[in-house]
């Protein structure tokens, strides 16, 4: 009986290792693909599109891998909080970057309010 329980624990440990390896591999592949996209694109606006998955999908996959490996320990919670921060901050930073580029290309800010004439 003891061998059966030990065998199950080994099988579970191997399954967890495979899941962690797949998630980390996926996260690294997303990061590399996004880096390649940034290098290949000519326009700054096109390059910004490749930053989204690099800041959201990749870190989220790696954070989930940490949680699968470490459970909700201190490391798992920190990984989830870091991923959550990136998920919230990335779209804001991408928008601010695009707006700054737009303003710089036009040398002014166009008013959105209409003045009665």
Protein backbone atom coordinates (compact mmCIF):
# COMPACT_ATOMS: atom_id res chain seq x y z
CA UNK A 1 0.00 0.00 0.00
CA UNK A 2 2.80 2.41 0.87
CA UNK A 3 4.35 1.92 -2.54
CA UNK A 4 1.07 2.83 -4.22
CA UNK A 5 0.86 6.14 -2.34
CA UNK A 6 4.49 6.87 -3.11
CA UNK A 7 3.87 6.09 -6.77
CA UNK A 8 0.92 8.53 -6.85
CA UNK A 9 3.01 11.25 -5.23
CA UNK A 10 5.76 10.70 -7.80
CA UNK A 11 3.26 10.82 -10.67
CA UNK A 12 1.73 14.04 -9.30
CA UNK A 13 5.18 15.58 -8.90
CA UNK A 14 6.06 14.69 -12.48
CA UNK A 15 2.76 16.11 -13.76
CA UNK A 16 3.35 19.37 -11.89
CA UNK A 17 6.86 19.57 -13.35
CA UNK A 18 5.50 19.08 -16.88
CA UNK A 19 2.81 21.74 -16.41
CA UNK A 20 5.36 24.21 -15.00
CA UNK A 21 7.76 23.52 -17.88
CA UNK A 22 5.01 24.02 -20.48
CA UNK A 23 3.84 27.29 -18.88
CA UNK A 24 7.36 28.68 -18.61
CA UNK A 25 8.13 27.59 -22.17
CA UNK A 26 4.96 29.28 -23.39
CA UNK A 27 5.76 32.48 -21.47
CA UNK A 28 9.30 32.62 -22.84
CA UNK A 29 8.06 31.90 -26.40
CA UNK A 30 5.57 34.78 -26.14
CA UNK A 31 8.30 37.13 -24.91
CA UNK A 32 10.68 36.11 -27.70
CA UNK A 33 7.97 36.46 -30.36
CA UNK A 34 7.09 39.93 -29.09
CA UNK A 35 10.75 40.98 -29.06
CA UNK A 36 11.09 39.76 -32.62
CA UNK A 37 7.96 41.69 -33.60
CA UNK A 38 9.35 44.89 -32.08
CA UNK A 39 12.62 44.40 -33.99
CA UNK A 40 10.90 43.71 -37.32
CA UNK A 41 8.29 46.49 -37.31
CA UNK A 42 9.22 49.88 -38.74
CA UNK A 43 6.54 52.15 -37.28
CA UNK A 44 6.48 52.99 -33.56
CA UNK A 45 2.70 52.47 -33.45
CA UNK A 46 3.13 48.95 -34.87
CA UNK A 47 5.82 48.23 -32.30
CA UNK A 48 3.43 49.21 -29.50
CA UNK A 49 1.08 46.39 -30.52
CA UNK A 50 3.77 43.84 -29.74
CA UNK A 51 4.20 45.19 -26.21
CA UNK A 52 0.72 44.11 -25.10
CA UNK A 53 1.23 40.34 -25.13
CA UNK A 54 4.77 40.78 -23.81
CA UNK A 55 3.46 42.61 -20.76
CA UNK A 56 0.33 40.54 -20.16
CA UNK A 57 0.37 37.00 -21.63
CA UNK A 58 4.00 36.10 -20.93
CA UNK A 59 4.14 37.28 -17.30
CA UNK A 60 0.73 35.75 -16.57
CA UNK A 61 1.88 32.34 -17.84
CA UNK A 62 5.03 32.55 -15.73
CA UNK A 63 3.05 33.66 -12.66
CA UNK A 64 0.68 30.72 -13.08
CA UNK A 65 3.73 28.42 -13.36
CA UNK A 66 5.03 29.78 -10.06
CA UNK A 67 1.64 29.23 -8.40
CA UNK A 68 1.41 25.68 -9.77
CA UNK A 69 4.90 24.96 -8.46
CA UNK A 70 4.80 26.81 -5.14
CA UNK A 71 1.02 26.99 -4.44
CA UNK A 72 -0.20 30.13 -2.70
CA UNK A 73 2.96 30.60 -0.70
CA UNK A 74 4.77 33.92 -0.46
CA UNK A 75 6.37 33.33 -3.87
CA UNK A 76 3.03 32.44 -5.49
CA UNK A 77 1.25 35.48 -4.09
CA UNK A 78 4.09 37.79 -5.17
CA UNK A 79 4.01 36.30 -8.67
CA UNK A 80 0.25 36.89 -8.94
CA UNK A 81 0.54 40.45 -7.62
CA UNK A 82 3.32 41.22 -10.08
CA UNK A 83 1.26 39.82 -12.97
CA UNK A 84 -1.78 41.82 -11.82
CA UNK A 85 0.29 45.02 -11.71
CA UNK A 86 1.55 44.40 -15.24
CA UNK A 87 -1.96 43.64 -16.49
CA UNK A 88 -3.26 46.93 -15.06
CA UNK A 89 -0.28 49.16 -15.90
CA UNK A 90 0.56 47.92 -19.40
CA UNK A 91 -2.46 49.29 -21.28
CA UNK A 92 -2.12 52.64 -19.50
CA UNK A 93 1.57 52.91 -20.37
CA UNK A 94 0.96 51.87 -23.98
CA UNK A 95 -1.75 54.51 -24.33
CA UNK A 96 0.44 57.19 -22.76
CA UNK A 97 3.32 56.27 -25.05
CA UNK A 98 1.11 56.39 -28.15
CA UNK A 99 -0.35 59.74 -27.09
CA UNK A 100 3.12 61.20 -26.48
CA UNK A 101 4.23 59.99 -29.91
CA UNK A 102 1.12 61.47 -31.52
CA UNK A 103 1.71 64.84 -29.85
CA UNK A 104 5.40 64.84 -30.74
CA UNK A 105 4.66 64.11 -34.42
CA UNK A 106 2.18 66.98 -34.62
CA UNK A 107 3.96 69.46 -32.29
CA UNK A 108 0.72 70.23 -30.45
CA UNK A 109 -2.27 68.82 -28.62
CA UNK A 110 -5.58 69.02 -30.43
CA UNK A 111 -8.37 70.24 -28.21
CA UNK A 112 -11.33 67.93 -27.80
CA UNK A 113 -13.65 70.57 -26.45
CA UNK A 114 -15.62 72.76 -28.83
CA UNK A 115 -15.73 76.45 -28.19
CA UNK A 116 -18.86 78.30 -29.16
CA UNK A 117 -18.06 80.55 -32.03
